[in-house]
Amino acid sequence: VAPRFTDGLIVACDTVVECDGQILG
């Protein structure tokens, strides 16, 4: 997203679940 702007503050996030080493998206 950053290249679309010349100023501002970008907030980005990603969330996953993990159970016994297995990643669940």
mmCIF file of all heavy atoms, coordinates in Angstrom:
data_MODEL
# 
_entry.id   MODEL 
# 
loop_
_atom_site.group_PDB 
_atom_site.id 
_atom_site.type_symbol 
_atom_site.label_atom_id 
_atom_site.label_alt_id 
_atom_site.label_comp_id 
_atom_site.label_asym_id 
_atom_site.label_entity_id 
_atom_site.label_seq_id 
_atom_site.pdbx_PDB_ins_code 
_atom_site.Cartn_x 
_atom_site.Cartn_y 
_atom_site.Cartn_z 
_atom_site.occupancy 
_atom_site.B_iso_or_equiv 
_atom_site.pdbx_formal_charge 
_atom_site.auth_seq_id 
_atom_site.auth_comp_id 
_atom_site.auth_asym_id 
_atom_site.auth_atom_id 
_atom_site.pdbx_PDB_model_num 
ATOM 1   N N   . VAL A 1 1  ? 0.828  -1.214  0.000  1.00 0.00 ? 1  VAL A N   1 
ATOM 2   C CA  . VAL A 1 1  ? 0.000  0.000   0.000  1.00 0.00 ? 1  VAL A CA  1 
ATOM 3   C C   . VAL A 1 1  ? 0.863  1.266   0.000  1.00 0.00 ? 1  VAL A C   1 
ATOM 4   O O   . VAL A 1 1  ? 0.464  2.301   -0.554 1.00 0.00 ? 1  VAL A O   1 
ATOM 5   C CB  . VAL A 1 1  ? -0.951 -0.015  1.224  1.00 0.00 ? 1  VAL A CB  1 
ATOM 6   C CG1 . VAL A 1 1  ? -1.699 1.301   1.368  1.00 0.00 ? 1  VAL A CG1 1 
ATOM 7   C CG2 . VAL A 1 1  ? -1.945 -1.167  1.098  1.00 0.00 ? 1  VAL A CG2 1 
ATOM 8   N N   . ALA A 1 2  ? 2.047  1.213   0.594  1.00 0.00 ? 2  ALA A N   1 
ATOM 9   C CA  . ALA A 1 2  ? 2.890  2.405   0.779  1.00 0.00 ? 2  ALA A CA  1 
ATOM 10  C C   . ALA A 1 2  ? 3.141  3.220   -0.488 1.00 0.00 ? 2  ALA A C   1 
ATOM 11  O O   . ALA A 1 2  ? 3.088  4.460   -0.441 1.00 0.00 ? 2  ALA A O   1 
ATOM 12  C CB  . ALA A 1 2  ? 4.213  2.004   1.425  1.00 0.00 ? 2  ALA A CB  1 
ATOM 13  N N   . PRO A 1 3  ? 3.424  2.591   -1.651 1.00 0.00 ? 3  PRO A N   1 
ATOM 14  C CA  . PRO A 1 3  ? 3.725  3.396   -2.845 1.00 0.00 ? 3  PRO A CA  1 
ATOM 15  C C   . PRO A 1 3  ? 2.572  4.262   -3.339 1.00 0.00 ? 3  PRO A C   1 
ATOM 16  O O   . PRO A 1 3  ? 2.775  5.149   -4.172 1.00 0.00 ? 3  PRO A O   1 
ATOM 17  C CB  . PRO A 1 3  ? 4.089  2.338   -3.896 1.00 0.00 ? 3  PRO A CB  1 
ATOM 18  C CG  . PRO A 1 3  ? 4.523  1.142   -3.108 1.00 0.00 ? 3  PRO A CG  1 
ATOM 19  C CD  . PRO A 1 3  ? 3.656  1.161   -1.895 1.00 0.00 ? 3  PRO A CD  1 
ATOM 20  N N   . ARG A 1 4  ? 1.381  4.056   -2.824 1.00 0.00 ? 4  ARG A N   1 
ATOM 21  C CA  . ARG A 1 4  ? 0.222  4.839   -3.258 1.00 0.00 ? 4  ARG A CA  1 
ATOM 22  C C   . ARG A 1 4  ? 0.182  6.219   -2.591 1.00 0.00 ? 4  ARG A C   1 
ATOM 23  O O   . ARG A 1 4  ? -0.637 7.058   -2.957 1.00 0.00 ? 4  ARG A O   1 
ATOM 24  C CB  . ARG A 1 4  ? -1.079 4.102   -2.931 1.00 0.00 ? 4  ARG A CB  1 
ATOM 25  C CG  . ARG A 1 4  ? -1.152 2.671   -3.442 1.00 0.00 ? 4  ARG A CG  1 
ATOM 26  C CD  . ARG A 1 4  ? -2.431 2.004   -2.985 1.00 0.00 ? 4  ARG A CD  1 
ATOM 27  N NE  . ARG A 1 4  ? -2.355 0.546   -3.067 1.00 0.00 ? 4  ARG A NE  1 
ATOM 28  C CZ  . ARG A 1 4  ? -3.284 -0.282  -2.615 1.00 0.00 ? 4  ARG A CZ  1 
ATOM 29  N NH1 . ARG A 1 4  ? -4.386 0.221   -2.051 1.00 0.00 ? 4  ARG A NH1 1 
ATOM 30  N NH2 . ARG A 1 4  ? -3.135 -1.604  -2.723 1.00 0.00 ? 4  ARG A NH2 1 
ATOM 31  N N   . PHE A 1 5  ? 1.044  6.461   -1.600 1.00 0.00 ? 5  PHE A N   1 
ATOM 32  C CA  . PHE A 1 5  ? 0.960  7.677   -0.802 1.00 0.00 ? 5  PHE A CA  1 
ATOM 33  C C   . PHE A 1 5  ? 2.323  8.362   -0.680 1.00 0.00 ? 5  PHE A C   1 
ATOM 34  O O   . PHE A 1 5  ? 3.365  7.717   -0.767 1.00 0.00 ? 5  PHE A O   1 
ATOM 35  C CB  . PHE A 1 5  ? 0.422  7.363   0.598  1.00 0.00 ? 5  PHE A CB  1 
ATOM 36  C CG  . PHE A 1 5  ? -0.946 6.749   0.595  1.00 0.00 ? 5  PHE A CG  1 
ATOM 37  C CD1 . PHE A 1 5  ? -1.101 5.374   0.572  1.00 0.00 ? 5  PHE A CD1 1 
ATOM 38  C CD2 . PHE A 1 5  ? -2.081 7.546   0.568  1.00 0.00 ? 5  PHE A CD2 1 
ATOM 39  C CE1 . PHE A 1 5  ? -2.362 4.794   0.544  1.00 0.00 ? 5  PHE A CE1 1 
ATOM 40  C CE2 . PHE A 1 5  ? -3.337 6.982   0.535  1.00 0.00 ? 5  PHE A CE2 1 
ATOM 41  C CZ  . PHE A 1 5  ? -3.487 5.605   0.525  1.00 0.00 ? 5  PHE A CZ  1 
ATOM 42  N N   . THR A 1 6  ? 2.282  9.660   -0.468 1.00 0.00 ? 6  THR A N   1 
ATOM 43  C CA  . THR A 1 6  ? 3.503  10.431  -0.224 1.00 0.00 ? 6  THR A CA  1 
ATOM 44  C C   . THR A 1 6  ? 3.639  10.816  1.244  1.00 0.00 ? 6  THR A C   1 
ATOM 45  O O   . THR A 1 6  ? 4.706  11.265  1.665  1.00 0.00 ? 6  THR A O   1 
ATOM 46  C CB  . THR A 1 6  ? 3.506  11.711  -1.078 1.00 0.00 ? 6  THR A CB  1 
ATOM 47  O OG1 . THR A 1 6  ? 2.329  12.488  -0.784 1.00 0.00 ? 6  THR A OG1 1 
ATOM 48  C CG2 . THR A 1 6  ? 3.531  11.361  -2.553 1.00 0.00 ? 6  THR A CG2 1 
ATOM 49  N N   . ASP A 1 7  ? 2.559  10.681  2.004  1.00 0.00 ? 7  ASP A N   1 
ATOM 50  C CA  . ASP A 1 7  ? 2.630  10.937  3.439  1.00 0.00 ? 7  ASP A CA  1 
ATOM 51  C C   . ASP A 1 7  ? 1.541  10.122  4.125  1.00 0.00 ? 7  ASP A C   1 
ATOM 52  O O   . ASP A 1 7  ? 0.711  9.492   3.488  1.00 0.00 ? 7  ASP A O   1 
ATOM 53  C CB  . ASP A 1 7  ? 2.460  12.429  3.752  1.00 0.00 ? 7  ASP A CB  1 
ATOM 54  C CG  . ASP A 1 7  ? 1.103  12.973  3.316  1.00 0.00 ? 7  ASP A CG  1 
ATOM 55  O OD1 . ASP A 1 7  ? 0.312  12.219  2.729  1.00 0.00 ? 7  ASP A OD1 1 
ATOM 56  O OD2 . ASP A 1 7  ? 0.835  14.161  3.566  1.00 0.00 ? 7  ASP A OD2 1 
ATOM 57  N N   . GLY A 1 8  ? 1.570  10.137  5.447  1.00 0.00 ? 8  GLY A N   1 
ATOM 58  C CA  . GLY A 1 8  ? 0.595  9.391   6.226  1.00 0.00 ? 8  GLY A CA  1 
ATOM 59  C C   . GLY A 1 8  ? 1.244  8.265   7.012  1.00 0.00 ? 8  GLY A C   1 
ATOM 60  O O   . GLY A 1 8  ? 2.463  8.042   6.951  1.00 0.00 ? 8  GLY A O   1 
ATOM 61  N N   . LEU A 1 9  ? 0.431  7.554   7.756  1.00 0.00 ? 9  LEU A N   1 
ATOM 62  C CA  . LEU A 1 9  ? 0.879  6.468   8.614  1.00 0.00 ? 9  LEU A CA  1 
ATOM 63  C C   . LEU A 1 9  ? 0.079  5.217   8.264  1.00 0.00 ? 9  LEU A C   1 
ATOM 64  O O   . LEU A 1 9  ? -1.134 5.177   8.426  1.00 0.00 ? 9  LEU A O   1 
ATOM 65  C CB  . LEU A 1 9  ? 0.667  6.832   10.081 1.00 0.00 ? 9  LEU A CB  1 
ATOM 66  C CG  . LEU A 1 9  ? 1.173  5.812   11.084 1.00 0.00 ? 9  LEU A CG  1 
ATOM 67  C CD1 . LEU A 1 9  ? 2.688  5.888   11.206 1.00 0.00 ? 9  LEU A CD1 1 
ATOM 68  C CD2 . LEU A 1 9  ? 0.525  6.015   12.431 1.00 0.00 ? 9  LEU A CD2 1 
ATOM 69  N N   . ILE A 1 10 ? 0.763  4.209   7.752  1.00 0.00 ? 10 ILE A N   1 
ATOM 70  C CA  . ILE A 1 10 ? 0.095  2.971   7.342  1.00 0.00 ? 10 ILE A CA  1 
ATOM 71  C C   . ILE A 1 10 ? 0.058  1.989   8.511  1.00 0.00 ? 10 ILE A C   1 
ATOM 72  O O   . ILE A 1 10 ? 1.059  1.789   9.208  1.00 0.00 ? 10 ILE A O   1 
ATOM 73  C CB  . ILE A 1 10 ? 0.806  2.332   6.136  1.00 0.00 ? 10 ILE A CB  1 
ATOM 74  C CG1 . ILE A 1 10 ? 0.659  3.231   4.914  1.00 0.00 ? 10 ILE A CG1 1 
ATOM 75  C CG2 . ILE A 1 10 ? 0.236  0.941   5.835  1.00 0.00 ? 10 ILE A CG2 1 
ATOM 76  C CD1 . ILE A 1 10 ? 1.345  2.718   3.686  1.00 0.00 ? 10 ILE A CD1 1 
ATOM 77  N N   . VAL A 1 11 ? -1.094 1.372   8.711  1.00 0.00 ? 11 VAL A N   1 
ATOM 78  C CA  . VAL A 1 11 ? -1.261 0.317   9.705  1.00 0.00 ? 11 VAL A CA  1 
ATOM 79  C C   . VAL A 1 11 ? -1.706 -0.940  8.971  1.00 0.00 ? 11 VAL A C   1 
ATOM 80  O O   . VAL A 1 11 ? -2.726 -0.936  8.278  1.00 0.00 ? 11 VAL A O   1 
ATOM 81  C CB  . VAL A 1 11 ? -2.305 0.698   10.775 1.00 0.00 ? 11 VAL A CB  1 
ATOM 82  C CG1 . VAL A 1 11 ? -2.528 -0.460  11.738 1.00 0.00 ? 11 VAL A CG1 1 
ATOM 83  C CG2 . VAL A 1 11 ? -1.875 1.938   11.536 1.00 0.00 ? 11 VAL A CG2 1 
ATOM 84  N N   . ALA A 1 12 ? -0.925 -2.009  9.096  1.00 0.00 ? 12 ALA A N   1 
ATOM 85  C CA  . ALA A 1 12 ? -1.260 -3.281  8.454  1.00 0.00 ? 12 ALA A CA  1 
ATOM 86  C C   . ALA A 1 12 ? -1.118 -4.401  9.478  1.00 0.00 ? 12 ALA A C   1 
ATOM 87  O O   . ALA A 1 12 ? -0.307 -4.320  10.397 1.00 0.00 ? 12 ALA A O   1 
ATOM 88  C CB  . ALA A 1 12 ? -0.344 -3.540  7.263  1.00 0.00 ? 12 ALA A CB  1 
ATOM 89  N N   . CYS A 1 13 ? -1.918 -5.435  9.299  1.00 0.00 ? 13 CYS A N   1 
ATOM 90  C CA  . CYS A 1 13 ? -1.935 -6.511  10.285 1.00 0.00 ? 13 CYS A CA  1 
ATOM 91  C C   . CYS A 1 13 ? -2.225 -7.848  9.603  1.00 0.00 ? 13 CYS A C   1 
ATOM 92  O O   . CYS A 1 13 ? -2.885 -7.889  8.560  1.00 0.00 ? 13 CYS A O   1 
ATOM 93  C CB  . CYS A 1 13 ? -3.000 -6.213  11.339 1.00 0.00 ? 13 CYS A CB  1 
ATOM 94  S SG  . CYS A 1 13 ? -2.920 -7.267  12.806 1.00 0.00 ? 13 CYS A SG  1 
ATOM 95  N N   . ASP A 1 14 ? -1.727 -8.919  10.196 1.00 0.00 ? 14 ASP A N   1 
ATOM 96  C CA  . ASP A 1 14 ? -2.068 -10.262 9.730  1.00 0.00 ? 14 ASP A CA  1 
ATOM 97  C C   . ASP A 1 14 ? -2.227 -11.169 10.938 1.00 0.00 ? 14 ASP A C   1 
ATOM 98  O O   . ASP A 1 14 ? -1.450 -11.081 11.900 1.00 0.00 ? 14 ASP A O   1 
ATOM 99  C CB  . ASP A 1 14 ? -0.995 -10.815 8.793  1.00 0.00 ? 14 ASP A CB  1 
ATOM 100 C CG  . ASP A 1 14 ? -1.486 -12.062 8.070  1.00 0.00 ? 14 ASP A CG  1 
ATOM 101 O OD1 . ASP A 1 14 ? -2.169 -11.917 7.039  1.00 0.00 ? 14 ASP A OD1 1 
ATOM 102 O OD2 . ASP A 1 14 ? -1.213 -13.186 8.549  1.00 0.00 ? 14 ASP A OD2 1 
ATOM 103 N N   . THR A 1 15 ? -3.243 -12.039 10.896 1.00 0.00 ? 15 THR A N   1 
ATOM 104 C CA  . THR A 1 15 ? -3.564 -12.896 12.033 1.00 0.00 ? 15 THR A CA  1 
ATOM 105 C C   . THR A 1 15 ? -3.687 -14.350 11.594 1.00 0.00 ? 15 THR A C   1 
ATOM 106 O O   . THR A 1 15 ? -4.301 -14.635 10.560 1.00 0.00 ? 15 THR A O   1 
ATOM 107 C CB  . THR A 1 15 ? -4.891 -12.450 12.691 1.00 0.00 ? 15 THR A CB  1 
ATOM 108 O OG1 . THR A 1 15 ? -4.770 -11.094 13.128 1.00 0.00 ? 15 THR A OG1 1 
ATOM 109 C CG2 . THR A 1 15 ? -5.236 -13.330 13.883 1.00 0.00 ? 15 THR A CG2 1 
ATOM 110 N N   . VAL A 1 16 ? -3.094 -15.255 12.363 1.00 0.00 ? 16 VAL A N   1 
ATOM 111 C CA  . VAL A 1 16 ? -3.250 -16.689 12.130 1.00 0.00 ? 16 VAL A CA  1 
ATOM 112 C C   . VAL A 1 16 ? -3.500 -17.382 13.466 1.00 0.00 ? 16 VAL A C   1 
ATOM 113 O O   . VAL A 1 16 ? -3.263 -16.820 14.537 1.00 0.00 ? 16 VAL A O   1 
ATOM 114 C CB  . VAL A 1 16 ? -2.024 -17.327 11.447 1.00 0.00 ? 16 VAL A CB  1 
ATOM 115 C CG1 . VAL A 1 16 ? -1.760 -16.694 10.084 1.00 0.00 ? 16 VAL A CG1 1 
ATOM 116 C CG2 . VAL A 1 16 ? -0.795 -17.260 12.336 1.00 0.00 ? 16 VAL A CG2 1 
ATOM 117 N N   . VAL A 1 17 ? -3.968 -18.620 13.374 1.00 0.00 ? 17 VAL A N   1 
ATOM 118 C CA  . VAL A 1 17 ? -4.135 -19.484 14.541 1.00 0.00 ? 17 VAL A CA  1 
ATOM 119 C C   . VAL A 1 17 ? -3.091 -20.594 14.440 1.00 0.00 ? 17 VAL A C   1 
ATOM 120 O O   . VAL A 1 17 ? -2.804 -21.098 13.350 1.00 0.00 ? 17 VAL A O   1 
ATOM 121 C CB  . VAL A 1 17 ? -5.560 -20.075 14.590 1.00 0.00 ? 17 VAL A CB  1 
ATOM 122 C CG1 . VAL A 1 17 ? -5.680 -21.116 15.702 1.00 0.00 ? 17 VAL A CG1 1 
ATOM 123 C CG2 . VAL A 1 17 ? -6.580 -18.963 14.784 1.00 0.00 ? 17 VAL A CG2 1 
ATOM 124 N N   . GLU A 1 18 ? -2.521 -20.969 15.590 1.00 0.00 ? 18 GLU A N   1 
ATOM 125 C CA  . GLU A 1 18 ? -1.540 -22.058 15.620 1.00 0.00 ? 18 GLU A CA  1 
ATOM 126 C C   . GLU A 1 18 ? -1.948 -23.075 16.667 1.00 0.00 ? 18 GLU A C   1 
ATOM 127 O O   . GLU A 1 18 ? -2.280 -22.728 17.803 1.00 0.00 ? 18 GLU A O   1 
ATOM 128 C CB  . GLU A 1 18 ? -0.150 -21.499 15.931 1.00 0.00 ? 18 GLU A CB  1 
ATOM 129 C CG  . GLU A 1 18 ? 0.953  -22.557 15.992 1.00 0.00 ? 18 GLU A CG  1 
ATOM 130 C CD  . GLU A 1 18 ? 1.152  -23.114 17.387 1.00 0.00 ? 18 GLU A CD  1 
ATOM 131 O OE1 . GLU A 1 18 ? 0.913  -22.360 18.355 1.00 0.00 ? 18 GLU A OE1 1 
ATOM 132 O OE2 . GLU A 1 18 ? 1.548  -24.289 17.512 1.00 0.00 ? 18 GLU A OE2 1 
ATOM 133 N N   . CYS A 1 19 ? -1.977 -24.343 16.266 1.00 0.00 ? 19 CYS A N   1 
ATOM 134 C CA  . CYS A 1 19 ? -2.320 -25.429 17.186 1.00 0.00 ? 19 CYS A CA  1 
ATOM 135 C C   . CYS A 1 19 ? -1.337 -26.575 16.963 1.00 0.00 ? 19 CYS A C   1 
ATOM 136 O O   . CYS A 1 19 ? -1.259 -27.126 15.860 1.00 0.00 ? 19 CYS A O   1 
ATOM 137 C CB  . CYS A 1 19 ? -3.751 -25.902 16.941 1.00 0.00 ? 19 CYS A CB  1 
ATOM 138 S SG  . CYS A 1 19 ? -4.319 -27.189 18.091 1.00 0.00 ? 19 CYS A SG  1 
ATOM 139 N N   . ASP A 1 20 ? -0.579 -26.907 18.013 1.00 0.00 ? 20 ASP A N   1 
ATOM 140 C CA  . ASP A 1 20 ? 0.416  -27.986 17.923 1.00 0.00 ? 20 ASP A CA  1 
ATOM 141 C C   . ASP A 1 20 ? 1.351  -27.821 16.733 1.00 0.00 ? 20 ASP A C   1 
ATOM 142 O O   . ASP A 1 20 ? 1.668  -28.788 16.033 1.00 0.00 ? 20 ASP A O   1 
ATOM 143 C CB  . ASP A 1 20 ? -0.277 -29.347 17.854 1.00 0.00 ? 20 ASP A CB  1 
ATOM 144 C CG  . ASP A 1 20 ? -0.763 -29.815 19.221 1.00 0.00 ? 20 ASP A CG  1 
ATOM 145 O OD1 . ASP A 1 20 ? -0.401 -29.171 20.228 1.00 0.00 ? 20 ASP A OD1 1 
ATOM 146 O OD2 . ASP A 1 20 ? -1.521 -30.787 19.285 1.00 0.00 ? 20 ASP A OD2 1 
ATOM 147 N N   . GLY A 1 21 ? 1.758  -26.571 16.466 1.00 0.00 ? 21 GLY A N   1 
ATOM 148 C CA  . GLY A 1 21 ? 2.702  -26.310 15.401 1.00 0.00 ? 21 GLY A CA  1 
ATOM 149 C C   . GLY A 1 21 ? 2.096  -26.168 14.026 1.00 0.00 ? 21 GLY A C   1 
ATOM 150 O O   . GLY A 1 21 ? 2.791  -25.829 13.064 1.00 0.00 ? 21 GLY A O   1 
ATOM 151 N N   . GLN A 1 22 ? 0.805  -26.425 13.892 1.00 0.00 ? 22 GLN A N   1 
ATOM 152 C CA  . GLN A 1 22 ? 0.141  -26.286 12.596 1.00 0.00 ? 22 GLN A CA  1 
ATOM 153 C C   . GLN A 1 22 ? -0.503 -24.907 12.487 1.00 0.00 ? 22 GLN A C   1 
ATOM 154 O O   . GLN A 1 22 ? -1.251 -24.484 13.379 1.00 0.00 ? 22 GLN A O   1 
ATOM 155 C CB  . GLN A 1 22 ? -0.916 -27.360 12.403 1.00 0.00 ? 22 GLN A CB  1 
ATOM 156 C CG  . GLN A 1 22 ? -1.554 -27.329 11.020 1.00 0.00 ? 22 GLN A CG  1 
ATOM 157 C CD  . GLN A 1 22 ? -2.260 -28.621 10.673 1.00 0.00 ? 22 GLN A CD  1 
ATOM 158 O OE1 . GLN A 1 22 ? -2.059 -29.643 11.318 1.00 0.00 ? 22 GLN A OE1 1 
ATOM 159 N NE2 . GLN A 1 22 ? -3.103 -28.585 9.654  1.00 0.00 ? 22 GLN A NE2 1 
ATOM 160 N N   . ILE A 1 23 ? -0.211 -24.198 11.404 1.00 0.00 ? 23 ILE A N   1 
ATOM 161 C CA  . ILE A 1 23 ? -0.729 -22.854 11.191 1.00 0.00 ? 23 ILE A CA  1 
ATOM 162 C C   . ILE A 1 23 ? -2.058 -22.915 10.451 1.00 0.00 ? 23 ILE A C   1 
ATOM 163 O O   . ILE A 1 23 ? -2.174 -23.556 9.397  1.00 0.00 ? 23 ILE A O   1 
ATOM 164 C CB  . ILE A 1 23 ? 0.279  -22.008 10.390 1.00 0.00 ? 23 ILE A CB  1 
ATOM 165 C CG1 . ILE A 1 23 ? 1.573  -21.841 11.191 1.00 0.00 ? 23 ILE A CG1 1 
ATOM 166 C CG2 . ILE A 1 23 ? -0.309 -20.636 10.058 1.00 0.00 ? 23 ILE A CG2 1 
ATOM 167 C CD1 . ILE A 1 23 ? 2.695  -21.171 10.418 1.00 0.00 ? 23 ILE A CD1 1 
ATOM 168 N N   . LEU A 1 24 ? -3.052 -22.244 11.007 1.00 0.00 ? 24 LEU A N   1 
ATOM 169 C CA  . LEU A 1 24 ? -4.386 -22.208 10.406 1.00 0.00 ? 24 LEU A CA  1 
ATOM 170 C C   . LEU A 1 24 ? -4.708 -20.778 9.994  1.00 0.00 ? 24 LEU A C   1 
ATOM 171 O O   . LEU A 1 24 ? -4.814 -19.888 10.835 1.00 0.00 ? 24 LEU A O   1 
ATOM 172 C CB  . LEU A 1 24 ? -5.445 -22.712 11.397 1.00 0.00 ? 24 LEU A CB  1 
ATOM 173 C CG  . LEU A 1 24 ? -5.206 -24.096 12.010 1.00 0.00 ? 24 LEU A CG  1 
ATOM 174 C CD1 . LEU A 1 24 ? -6.302 -24.413 13.015 1.00 0.00 ? 24 LEU A CD1 1 
ATOM 175 C CD2 . LEU A 1 24 ? -5.139 -25.161 10.929 1.00 0.00 ? 24 LEU A CD2 1 
ATOM 176 N N   . GLY A 1 25 ? -4.872 -20.571 8.708  1.00 0.00 ? 25 GLY A N   1 
ATOM 177 C CA  . GLY A 1 25 ? -5.281 -19.260 8.211  1.00 0.00 ? 25 GLY A CA  1 
ATOM 178 C C   . GLY A 1 25 ? -6.784 -19.223 8.011  1.00 0.00 ? 25 GLY A C   1 
ATOM 179 O O   . GLY A 1 25 ? -7.544 -19.831 8.765  1.00 0.00 ? 25 GLY A O   1 
# 
